[in-house]
Amino acid sequence: MELSARNQLKARVKEIRSNDITSEVVLDVSGQEMCSVITTGSVKQMGLKVGDDVSALVKATSVMVMK
């Protein structure tokens, strides 16, 4: 599958917190934590579990850089 999102980060699922509707998926991206909120249905459909290797795709019109 090809996507237009250029910001694709390799990650590992660190934690999944779910309720009936939504799930917070905590990712480890090279030692940095990133969080995504997706539907619990998507978590089940994808069979996501802690320890899975995934890609985090970021589509943003505004990204701040700090030094």
N, C-alpha and C. Protein backbone atom coordinates (compact mmCIF):
# COMPACT_ATOMS: atom_id res chain seq x y z
N MET A 1 0.85 -1.17 0.00
CA MET A 1 0.00 0.00 0.00
C MET A 1 0.90 1.24 0.00
N GLU A 2 0.58 2.19 -0.85
CA GLU A 2 1.32 3.44 -0.89
C GLU A 2 0.48 4.55 -0.30
N LEU A 3 1.12 5.40 0.50
CA LEU A 3 0.43 6.52 1.14
C LEU A 3 1.16 7.82 0.84
N SER A 4 0.42 8.92 0.91
CA SER A 4 1.03 10.23 0.66
C SER A 4 1.76 10.77 1.88
N ALA A 5 1.50 10.22 3.07
CA ALA A 5 2.14 10.71 4.29
C ALA A 5 3.64 10.42 4.23
N ARG A 6 4.45 11.47 4.34
CA ARG A 6 5.91 11.30 4.26
C ARG A 6 6.52 11.03 5.63
N ASN A 7 5.87 11.46 6.68
CA ASN A 7 6.41 11.29 8.03
C ASN A 7 5.99 9.92 8.56
N GLN A 8 6.80 8.91 8.28
CA GLN A 8 6.52 7.55 8.69
C GLN A 8 7.61 7.12 9.67
N LEU A 9 7.19 6.84 10.90
CA LEU A 9 8.13 6.51 11.97
C LEU A 9 7.97 5.06 12.40
N LYS A 10 9.07 4.33 12.46
CA LYS A 10 9.05 2.95 12.96
C LYS A 10 8.85 3.02 14.47
N ALA A 11 7.96 2.17 14.98
CA ALA A 11 7.63 2.21 16.41
C ALA A 11 7.29 0.81 16.91
N ARG A 12 7.23 0.70 18.24
CA ARG A 12 6.79 -0.53 18.89
C ARG A 12 5.68 -0.16 19.86
N VAL A 13 4.61 -0.98 19.89
CA VAL A 13 3.49 -0.73 20.79
C VAL A 13 3.95 -0.98 22.22
N LYS A 14 3.84 0.06 23.06
CA LYS A 14 4.30 -0.01 24.45
C LYS A 14 3.14 -0.32 25.40
N GLU A 15 1.97 0.24 25.09
CA GLU A 15 0.81 0.07 25.97
C GLU A 15 -0.46 0.36 25.18
N ILE A 16 -1.54 -0.31 25.53
CA ILE A 16 -2.85 -0.05 24.93
C ILE A 16 -3.86 0.07 26.07
N ARG A 17 -4.53 1.23 26.13
CA ARG A 17 -5.58 1.47 27.13
C ARG A 17 -6.90 1.62 26.38
N SER A 18 -7.83 0.69 26.61
CA SER A 18 -9.06 0.68 25.82
C SER A 18 -10.31 0.83 26.67
N ASN A 19 -11.33 1.43 26.06
CA ASN A 19 -12.69 1.35 26.59
C ASN A 19 -13.55 0.82 25.45
N ASP A 20 -14.87 0.90 25.56
CA ASP A 20 -15.74 0.33 24.53
C ASP A 20 -15.59 1.00 23.17
N ILE A 21 -15.25 2.28 23.16
CA ILE A 21 -15.25 3.05 21.91
C ILE A 21 -13.84 3.38 21.41
N THR A 22 -12.99 3.89 22.28
CA THR A 22 -11.67 4.34 21.85
C THR A 22 -10.54 3.62 22.58
N SER A 23 -9.38 3.65 21.97
CA SER A 23 -8.18 3.07 22.57
C SER A 23 -7.04 4.07 22.43
N GLU A 24 -6.28 4.22 23.52
CA GLU A 24 -5.07 5.02 23.49
C GLU A 24 -3.91 4.05 23.28
N VAL A 25 -3.20 4.21 22.18
CA VAL A 25 -2.09 3.33 21.85
C VAL A 25 -0.81 4.12 22.08
N VAL A 26 -0.01 3.68 23.04
CA VAL A 26 1.25 4.34 23.37
C VAL A 26 2.36 3.63 22.61
N LEU A 27 3.14 4.43 21.86
CA LEU A 27 4.19 3.88 21.02
C LEU A 27 5.56 4.30 21.52
N ASP A 28 6.54 3.44 21.32
CA ASP A 28 7.93 3.76 21.58
C ASP A 28 8.58 3.99 20.22
N VAL A 29 8.97 5.24 19.97
CA VAL A 29 9.61 5.61 18.71
C VAL A 29 11.07 5.94 19.03
N SER A 30 11.94 4.96 18.90
CA SER A 30 13.37 5.15 19.19
C SER A 30 13.62 5.79 20.56
N GLY A 31 12.90 5.31 21.57
CA GLY A 31 13.08 5.81 22.93
C GLY A 31 12.19 6.98 23.29
N GLN A 32 11.49 7.55 22.32
CA GLN A 32 10.55 8.64 22.57
C GLN A 32 9.14 8.08 22.56
N GLU A 33 8.30 8.57 23.44
CA GLU A 33 6.93 8.09 23.53
C GLU A 33 6.01 8.93 22.65
N MET A 34 5.14 8.25 21.91
CA MET A 34 4.14 8.91 21.07
C MET A 34 2.81 8.22 21.34
N CYS A 35 1.75 9.00 21.36
CA CYS A 35 0.44 8.45 21.69
C CYS A 35 -0.53 8.68 20.53
N SER A 36 -1.34 7.68 20.25
CA SER A 36 -2.37 7.78 19.22
C SER A 36 -3.69 7.30 19.81
N VAL A 37 -4.77 8.01 19.49
CA VAL A 37 -6.10 7.57 19.91
C VAL A 37 -6.84 7.10 18.67
N ILE A 38 -7.20 5.81 18.68
CA ILE A 38 -7.93 5.21 17.56
C ILE A 38 -9.13 4.45 18.13
N THR A 39 -9.99 3.97 17.26
CA THR A 39 -11.14 3.23 17.76
C THR A 39 -10.71 1.86 18.28
N THR A 40 -11.44 1.38 19.27
CA THR A 40 -11.17 0.04 19.80
C THR A 40 -11.44 -1.00 18.72
N GLY A 41 -12.40 -0.72 17.85
CA GLY A 41 -12.68 -1.61 16.72
C GLY A 41 -11.46 -1.77 15.83
N SER A 42 -10.73 -0.68 15.60
CA SER A 42 -9.52 -0.75 14.78
C SER A 42 -8.43 -1.56 15.46
N VAL A 43 -8.30 -1.40 16.79
CA VAL A 43 -7.31 -2.18 17.54
C VAL A 43 -7.62 -3.67 17.37
N LYS A 44 -8.89 -4.03 17.50
CA LYS A 44 -9.29 -5.45 17.37
C LYS A 44 -9.10 -5.95 15.95
N GLN A 45 -9.52 -5.15 14.96
CA GLN A 45 -9.41 -5.55 13.56
C GLN A 45 -7.96 -5.77 13.15
N MET A 46 -7.06 -4.90 13.64
CA MET A 46 -5.64 -5.02 13.31
C MET A 46 -4.93 -6.05 14.18
N GLY A 47 -5.59 -6.48 15.26
CA GLY A 47 -4.97 -7.44 16.17
C GLY A 47 -3.77 -6.83 16.90
N LEU A 48 -3.84 -5.52 17.18
CA LEU A 48 -2.73 -4.84 17.85
C LEU A 48 -2.53 -5.36 19.26
N LYS A 49 -1.26 -5.55 19.63
CA LYS A 49 -0.95 -5.95 20.99
C LYS A 49 0.40 -5.37 21.38
N VAL A 50 0.62 -5.29 22.67
CA VAL A 50 1.89 -4.76 23.19
C VAL A 50 3.05 -5.57 22.61
N GLY A 51 4.08 -4.85 22.16
CA GLY A 51 5.25 -5.50 21.59
C GLY A 51 5.25 -5.54 20.07
N ASP A 52 4.10 -5.26 19.45
CA ASP A 52 4.03 -5.27 17.98
C ASP A 52 4.87 -4.15 17.38
N ASP A 53 5.55 -4.45 16.29
CA ASP A 53 6.24 -3.43 15.51
C ASP A 53 5.23 -2.83 14.54
N VAL A 54 5.17 -1.50 14.51
CA VAL A 54 4.20 -0.78 13.69
C VAL A 54 4.89 0.43 13.07
N SER A 55 4.17 1.13 12.22
CA SER A 55 4.62 2.41 11.70
C SER A 55 3.63 3.47 12.13
N ALA A 56 4.13 4.60 12.62
CA ALA A 56 3.28 5.73 12.97
C ALA A 56 3.35 6.71 11.79
N LEU A 57 2.21 6.98 11.19
CA LEU A 57 2.15 7.90 10.06
C LEU A 57 1.60 9.22 10.54
N VAL A 58 2.35 10.29 10.29
CA VAL A 58 1.95 11.62 10.77
C VAL A 58 1.67 12.50 9.57
N LYS A 59 0.43 12.97 9.49
CA LYS A 59 0.04 13.89 8.42
C LYS A 59 -0.33 15.20 9.10
N ALA A 60 0.52 16.20 8.97
CA ALA A 60 0.29 17.45 9.68
C ALA A 60 0.62 18.64 8.79
N THR A 61 -0.15 19.69 8.93
CA THR A 61 0.13 20.91 8.19
C THR A 61 1.00 21.86 9.01
N SER A 62 1.14 21.57 10.30
CA SER A 62 1.94 22.43 11.17
C SER A 62 2.76 21.56 12.10
N VAL A 63 4.07 21.65 11.98
CA VAL A 63 4.98 20.95 12.87
C VAL A 63 5.95 21.97 13.45
N MET A 64 5.99 22.07 14.75
CA MET A 64 6.89 23.02 15.41
C MET A 64 8.25 22.39 15.64
N VAL A 65 9.31 23.17 15.47
CA VAL A 65 10.67 22.72 15.74
C VAL A 65 11.23 23.61 16.84
N MET A 66 11.83 22.97 17.86
CA MET A 66 12.41 23.72 18.97
C MET A 66 13.86 23.30 19.12
N LYS A 67 14.71 24.26 19.44
CA LYS A 67 16.13 23.94 19.63
C LYS A 67 16.56 24.43 21.00
